[in-house]
């Protein structure tokens, strides 16, 4: 055999290079990295600045009526995770910047808890404690389901997620789809609609929109609307405003009586506005009375699904905007 054809032995450096290439190939099959939406970038930064905050945790719970097939429910949640890339997404960092990593597959985080001896108050306290657990955006999972068994009482299903992958619109979509998938797992003939789109397509559309003239026109308009409005409310608070937001504010929950709600709906119809607009106006008057300011800004989220093809896509489309209140 000529010398040039003699077999050669791979050096340790060559072996390391081959191993690195193999790992990169396998990793590319296990996940793909894409861009974040602007909303996701904002939430990632806010979570990075306050790693222990749970301000962006979402929770939904429901009592399950009738007989329950736990295996079918688990499989339905797995099918849900397989169908929607947002539920398989994590946000690791590279050189201090976030990546949106969509995993090709992910086992659903489905846990069963025994709560037969709990009172209703203990149940609520336990669920609130779960909702107060911060998510690890880099490692995940960012979508969790917990089934709480309650003996002879109806079991409770708890769904937890970080806002960076879902909005409340998405939760409604997921619960309806879960109903269909669960029925299918039980052998009931149902039609589960195909996936209409994925969130990464919205991110691509958003990047194009932000680089276009339509966005610049909108930006110029909103800068003109809110540009000279006071940025801080002068409220008679019990304690001074901290230099850095702590997210440790108190929460007071209350219910409006059914009769009052009915009267509010009637008033909204009479004035030709939505119930939201009516309640927003009441809130602005409330702030005006306590601050003494006639003009101020109010933050509010909007759906963000400005195109029909995104209406059934699971992801965080919510867009927080500033409204200028004028109580003069």
Protein backbone atom coordinates (compact mmCIF):
# COMPACT_ATOMS: atom_id res chain seq x y z
CA UNK A 1 0.00 0.00 0.00
CA UNK A 2 1.45 3.39 -0.94
CA UNK A 3 2.42 5.55 2.00
CA UNK A 4 -0.21 8.14 1.10
CA UNK A 5 -2.97 5.52 1.55
CA UNK A 6 -1.92 4.27 4.97
CA UNK A 7 -4.68 4.63 7.61
CA UNK A 8 -4.19 7.42 10.08
CA UNK A 9 -5.26 7.62 13.72
CA UNK A 10 -7.45 10.54 14.77
CA UNK A 11 -5.78 12.87 17.22
CA UNK A 12 -7.49 13.84 20.51
CA UNK A 13 -8.18 17.27 18.98
CA UNK A 14 -9.87 15.64 15.97
CA UNK A 15 -11.99 13.47 18.26
CA UNK A 16 -13.11 16.48 20.28
CA UNK A 17 -14.03 18.31 17.08
CA UNK A 18 -16.00 15.29 15.83
CA UNK A 19 -17.80 14.99 19.16
CA UNK A 20 -18.63 18.69 19.18
CA UNK A 21 -20.02 18.43 15.66
CA UNK A 22 -22.12 15.40 16.63
CA UNK A 23 -23.50 17.19 19.68
CA UNK A 24 -24.36 20.24 17.56
CA UNK A 25 -26.16 18.02 15.05
CA UNK A 26 -28.18 16.29 17.77
CA UNK A 27 -28.97 19.60 19.46
CA UNK A 28 -30.24 21.05 16.18
CA UNK A 29 -32.67 18.16 16.00
CA UNK A 30 -33.77 18.58 19.63
CA UNK A 31 -34.53 22.28 19.42
CA UNK A 32 -34.33 25.39 17.29
CA UNK A 33 -33.59 28.94 18.40
CA UNK A 34 -35.71 31.80 17.07
CA UNK A 35 -36.23 35.49 17.76
CA UNK A 36 -38.29 36.75 20.68
CA UNK A 37 -41.24 39.06 20.18
CA UNK A 38 -40.90 42.56 21.61
CA UNK A 39 -43.34 41.62 24.36
CA UNK A 40 -41.27 38.57 25.25
CA UNK A 41 -38.10 40.65 25.38
CA UNK A 42 -39.79 43.03 27.81
CA UNK A 43 -41.01 40.22 30.07
CA UNK A 44 -37.61 38.51 29.98
CA UNK A 45 -35.91 41.74 31.05
CA UNK A 46 -38.42 42.40 33.83
CA UNK A 47 -37.96 38.85 35.12
CA UNK A 48 -34.18 39.23 34.88
CA UNK A 49 -34.28 42.43 36.92
CA UNK A 50 -36.45 40.77 39.59
CA UNK A 51 -35.73 36.99 39.38
CA UNK A 52 -37.98 36.12 42.32
CA UNK A 53 -41.03 38.03 41.12
CA UNK A 54 -44.21 36.10 40.37
CA UNK A 55 -45.98 39.12 38.89
CA UNK A 56 -46.04 37.43 35.48
CA UNK A 57 -47.30 34.02 36.58
CA UNK A 58 -50.67 32.97 35.17
CA UNK A 59 -53.02 30.59 36.94
CA UNK A 60 -56.29 28.94 35.94
CA UNK A 61 -58.23 26.35 37.93
CA UNK A 62 -61.37 24.30 37.40
CA UNK A 63 -63.41 21.68 39.24
CA UNK A 64 -63.80 18.49 37.20
CA UNK A 65 -67.36 17.16 37.26
CA UNK A 66 -68.24 13.50 36.79
CA UNK A 67 -65.95 10.51 36.38
CA UNK A 68 -62.30 11.15 35.58
CA UNK A 69 -59.86 9.07 33.56
CA UNK A 70 -56.50 10.44 34.75
CA UNK A 71 -54.57 8.65 32.00
CA UNK A 72 -56.76 10.19 29.31
CA UNK A 73 -56.35 13.63 30.87
CA UNK A 74 -52.57 13.26 31.00
CA UNK A 75 -52.47 12.14 27.37
CA UNK A 76 -54.68 15.07 26.37
CA UNK A 77 -52.28 17.51 28.03
CA UNK A 78 -49.36 15.81 26.28
CA UNK A 79 -51.16 16.18 22.95
CA UNK A 80 -51.73 19.83 23.77
CA UNK A 81 -48.01 20.29 24.42
CA UNK A 82 -47.13 18.44 21.21
CA UNK A 83 -49.47 20.66 19.17
CA UNK A 84 -48.35 24.09 20.42
CA UNK A 85 -44.73 25.17 20.26
CA UNK A 86 -45.26 27.90 22.85
CA UNK A 87 -45.79 25.19 25.49
CA UNK A 88 -42.39 23.68 24.59
CA UNK A 89 -40.44 26.94 24.69
CA UNK A 90 -37.70 28.06 27.09
CA UNK A 91 -35.55 31.19 27.17
CA UNK A 92 -31.89 30.43 27.90
CA UNK A 93 -29.21 33.11 27.69
CA UNK A 94 -26.20 33.48 25.47
CA UNK A 95 -23.69 36.18 26.40
CA UNK A 96 -26.31 37.97 28.48
CA UNK A 97 -28.97 38.01 25.75
CA UNK A 98 -32.11 35.84 25.65
CA UNK A 99 -32.78 33.08 23.15
CA UNK A 100 -36.22 31.72 22.30
CA UNK A 101 -35.63 27.96 22.23
CA UNK A 102 -38.44 25.82 20.80
CA UNK A 103 -37.96 22.17 21.75
CA UNK A 104 -39.03 19.56 19.21
CA UNK A 105 -40.58 17.51 21.99
CA UNK A 106 -41.25 17.98 25.68
CA UNK A 107 -42.87 15.79 28.29
CA UNK A 108 -45.79 17.61 29.85
CA UNK A 109 -45.33 18.64 33.48
CA UNK A 110 -48.33 16.78 34.93
CA UNK A 111 -48.42 16.17 38.68
CA UNK A 112 -51.04 14.53 40.91
CA UNK A 113 -51.53 15.77 44.48
CA UNK A 114 -53.59 14.22 47.27
CA UNK A 115 -55.73 16.89 48.92
CA UNK A 116 -58.62 14.85 50.33
CA UNK A 117 -58.20 16.23 53.84
CA UNK A 118 -57.95 19.89 52.81
CA UNK A 119 -60.67 22.40 53.55
CA UNK A 120 -61.64 24.88 50.84
CA UNK A 121 -59.48 27.51 52.53
CA UNK A 122 -56.50 25.14 52.68
CA UNK A 123 -57.01 24.28 49.00
CA UNK A 124 -57.00 27.95 47.99
CA UNK A 125 -53.93 28.60 50.12
CA UNK A 126 -52.05 25.68 48.56
CA UNK A 127 -52.94 26.77 45.01
CA UNK A 128 -51.90 30.36 45.73
CA UNK A 129 -48.59 29.07 47.10
CA UNK A 130 -48.02 27.19 43.83
CA UNK A 131 -48.82 30.34 41.84
CA UNK A 132 -46.23 32.20 43.94
CA UNK A 133 -43.39 29.91 42.84
CA UNK A 134 -41.15 31.70 40.30
CA UNK A 135 -40.43 30.06 36.96
CA UNK A 136 -36.95 29.39 35.61
CA UNK A 137 -37.18 30.90 32.12
CA UNK A 138 -33.98 29.24 30.95
CA UNK A 139 -34.65 25.70 32.14
CA UNK A 140 -38.44 25.50 32.12
CA UNK A 141 -40.96 24.04 32.08
CA UNK A 142 -43.03 27.20 31.72
CA UNK A 143 -46.34 25.33 31.49
CA UNK A 144 -47.42 23.07 34.37
CA UNK A 145 -50.56 21.14 35.24
CA UNK A 146 -51.50 19.83 38.67
CA UNK A 147 -54.43 17.50 39.39
CA UNK A 148 -55.60 17.70 43.01
CA UNK A 149 -57.57 14.68 44.21
CA UNK A 150 -60.19 15.47 46.86
CA UNK A 151 -61.66 12.13 47.83
CA UNK A 152 -65.45 12.15 47.37
CA UNK A 153 -65.38 15.77 46.21
CA UNK A 154 -64.70 16.92 42.65
CA UNK A 155 -60.98 16.95 41.78
CA UNK A 156 -59.44 20.31 40.94
CA UNK A 157 -57.27 20.98 37.91
CA UNK A 158 -54.66 23.72 38.29
CA UNK A 159 -52.83 25.14 35.27
CA UNK A 160 -49.77 27.37 35.77
CA UNK A 161 -47.76 29.19 33.13
CA UNK A 162 -45.45 32.14 32.70
CA UNK A 163 -46.87 35.09 30.79
CA UNK A 164 -43.91 35.00 28.37
CA UNK A 165 -45.46 31.98 26.60
CA UNK A 166 -49.20 32.63 27.07
CA UNK A 167 -51.82 35.31 27.45
CA UNK A 168 -55.33 34.93 28.86
CA UNK A 169 -56.76 34.62 25.35
CA UNK A 170 -54.48 31.61 24.86
CA UNK A 171 -55.71 30.00 28.07
CA UNK A 172 -59.27 30.06 26.74
CA UNK A 173 -58.05 28.48 23.49
CA UNK A 174 -56.14 25.77 25.36
CA UNK A 175 -59.03 24.85 27.66
CA UNK A 176 -61.41 24.44 24.73
CA UNK A 177 -58.86 22.38 22.83
CA UNK A 178 -58.18 20.30 25.95
CA UNK A 179 -61.87 19.46 26.12
CA UNK A 180 -61.76 18.09 22.57
CA UNK A 181 -58.49 16.22 23.04
CA UNK A 182 -59.72 14.63 26.27
CA UNK A 183 -62.91 13.51 24.55
CA UNK A 184 -60.85 11.98 21.75
CA UNK A 185 -58.70 10.10 24.27
CA UNK A 186 -61.91 8.66 25.74
CA UNK A 187 -62.90 7.37 22.32
CA UNK A 188 -65.58 9.98 21.70
CA UNK A 189 -65.71 10.99 18.02
CA UNK A 190 -64.80 14.68 17.90
CA UNK A 191 -63.11 16.88 15.33
CA UNK A 192 -59.96 18.55 16.63
CA UNK A 193 -59.15 21.49 14.33
CA UNK A 194 -55.68 21.59 12.80
CA UNK A 195 -53.15 24.12 14.06
CA UNK A 196 -53.76 27.37 12.19
CA UNK A 197 -50.35 28.89 12.84
CA UNK A 198 -47.45 29.16 15.27
CA UNK A 199 -46.19 32.00 17.41
CA UNK A 200 -42.83 32.20 15.65
CA UNK A 201 -44.71 33.28 12.50
CA UNK A 202 -46.16 36.19 14.46
CA UNK A 203 -42.66 37.16 15.61
CA UNK A 204 -41.49 37.28 11.99
CA UNK A 205 -44.51 39.39 11.04
CA UNK A 206 -43.87 41.76 13.96
CA UNK A 207 -40.25 42.30 12.92
CA UNK A 208 -41.42 43.29 9.45
CA UNK A 209 -44.09 45.60 10.86
CA UNK A 210 -41.69 47.36 13.22
CA UNK A 211 -39.37 48.09 10.32
CA UNK A 212 -42.10 49.57 8.12
CA UNK A 213 -43.72 52.95 7.59
CA UNK A 214 -47.02 51.94 9.20
CA UNK A 215 -45.31 51.46 12.57
CA UNK A 216 -43.51 54.80 12.29
CA UNK A 217 -46.84 56.53 11.65
CA UNK A 218 -48.35 54.89 14.73
CA UNK A 219 -45.29 55.74 16.83
CA UNK A 220 -45.46 59.40 15.81
CA UNK A 221 -49.15 59.50 16.74
CA UNK A 222 -48.73 57.98 20.19
CA UNK A 223 -45.71 60.12 21.00
CA UNK A 224 -47.87 63.14 20.21
CA UNK A 225 -50.70 61.86 22.43
CA UNK A 226 -48.71 61.03 25.56
CA UNK A 227 -45.44 62.89 25.09
CA UNK A 228 -46.14 65.86 27.40
CA UNK A 229 -48.34 64.04 29.93
CA UNK A 230 -47.06 63.66 33.53
CA UNK A 231 -45.39 60.27 33.92
CA UNK A 232 -45.86 59.82 37.69
CA UNK A 233 -49.01 60.03 39.79
CA UNK A 234 -48.92 62.17 42.91
CA UNK A 235 -50.87 59.82 45.14
CA UNK A 236 -51.12 60.15 48.97
CA UNK A 237 -49.45 56.79 49.58
CA UNK A 238 -48.64 55.41 53.03
CA UNK A 239 -44.99 54.89 52.09
CA UNK A 240 -42.64 56.65 49.65
CA UNK A 241 -42.27 55.25 46.15
CA UNK A 242 -39.13 53.03 46.05
CA UNK A 243 -36.36 53.83 43.59
CA UNK A 244 -36.59 50.28 42.22
CA UNK A 245 -39.89 48.47 41.73
CA UNK A 246 -40.26 45.66 44.27
CA UNK A 247 -43.54 44.00 43.17
CA UNK A 248 -44.47 43.71 46.86
CA UNK A 249 -47.67 45.71 46.65
CA UNK A 250 -50.76 44.42 48.42
CA UNK A 251 -53.72 42.97 46.53
CA UNK A 252 -57.33 43.54 47.51
CA UNK A 253 -59.97 41.42 45.80
CA UNK A 254 -63.69 42.08 45.90
CA UNK A 255 -66.80 41.11 43.96
CA UNK A 256 -69.40 43.41 42.49
CA UNK A 257 -72.95 42.42 43.30
CA UNK A 258 -74.94 40.89 40.48
CA UNK A 259 -77.52 43.69 40.64
CA UNK A 260 -74.79 46.36 40.41
CA UNK A 261 -73.16 44.59 37.49
CA UNK A 262 -76.50 44.45 35.69
CA UNK A 263 -77.01 48.19 36.20
CA UNK A 264 -73.52 48.91 34.91
CA UNK A 265 -74.21 46.89 31.77
CA UNK A 266 -77.45 48.79 31.25
CA UNK A 267 -75.64 52.12 31.65
CA UNK A 268 -72.96 51.07 29.17
CA UNK A 269 -75.58 50.10 26.60
CA UNK A 270 -77.42 53.38 27.12
CA UNK A 271 -74.21 55.37 26.58
CA UNK A 272 -73.19 53.28 23.57
CA UNK A 273 -69.90 52.10 25.10
CA UNK A 274 -68.48 48.80 26.28
CA UNK A 275 -68.49 47.76 29.91
CA UNK A 276 -64.69 48.03 29.85
CA UNK A 277 -64.85 51.65 28.73
CA UNK A 278 -67.34 52.47 31.47
CA UNK A 279 -65.20 50.85 34.18
CA UNK A 280 -62.06 52.53 32.82
CA UNK A 281 -63.78 55.90 33.08
CA UNK A 282 -64.78 55.17 36.68
CA UNK A 283 -61.20 54.19 37.49
CA UNK A 284 -59.85 57.41 35.95
CA UNK A 285 -62.28 59.49 38.03
CA UNK A 286 -61.18 57.57 41.13
CA UNK A 287 -57.50 58.32 40.41
CA UNK A 288 -58.33 61.97 39.69
CA UNK A 289 -60.04 62.37 43.06
CA UNK A 290 -57.13 60.92 45.03
CA UNK A 291 -54.28 62.51 43.06
CA UNK A 292 -55.82 65.87 42.22
CA UNK A 293 -54.31 65.54 38.74
CA UNK A 294 -56.49 66.21 35.73
CA UNK A 295 -54.24 64.45 33.24
CA UNK A 296 -52.33 61.23 33.73
CA UNK A 297 -51.51 57.96 32.00
CA UNK A 298 -53.28 54.64 32.53
CA UNK A 299 -51.71 51.39 31.41
CA UNK A 300 -53.93 48.71 29.94
CA UNK A 301 -53.34 45.55 27.90
CA UNK A 302 -54.89 44.99 24.49
CA UNK A 303 -55.25 41.65 22.73
CA UNK A 304 -52.56 42.31 20.12
CA UNK A 305 -54.08 39.86 17.63
CA UNK A 306 -54.50 42.39 14.87
CA UNK A 307 -54.60 39.81 12.06
CA UNK A 308 -57.16 37.05 11.61
CA UNK A 309 -54.53 34.32 11.20
CA UNK A 310 -53.32 34.90 14.77
CA UNK A 311 -56.69 34.59 16.49
CA UNK A 312 -56.29 30.87 17.25
CA UNK A 313 -52.52 30.85 17.84
CA UNK A 314 -51.26 30.12 21.36
CA UNK A 315 -48.69 32.63 22.64
CA UNK A 316 -48.25 35.97 24.36
CA UNK A 317 -49.79 38.54 22.02
CA UNK A 318 -50.84 40.93 24.81
CA UNK A 319 -49.68 44.48 24.13
CA UNK A 320 -49.62 46.92 27.07
CA UNK A 321 -50.39 50.46 25.99
CA UNK A 322 -50.74 53.86 27.68
CA UNK A 323 -54.02 55.75 27.55
CA UNK A 324 -54.09 59.46 28.37
CA UNK A 325 -56.81 60.37 30.85
CA UNK A 326 -58.23 63.89 30.75
CA UNK A 327 -60.53 64.70 33.70
CA UNK A 328 -60.44 68.48 33.27
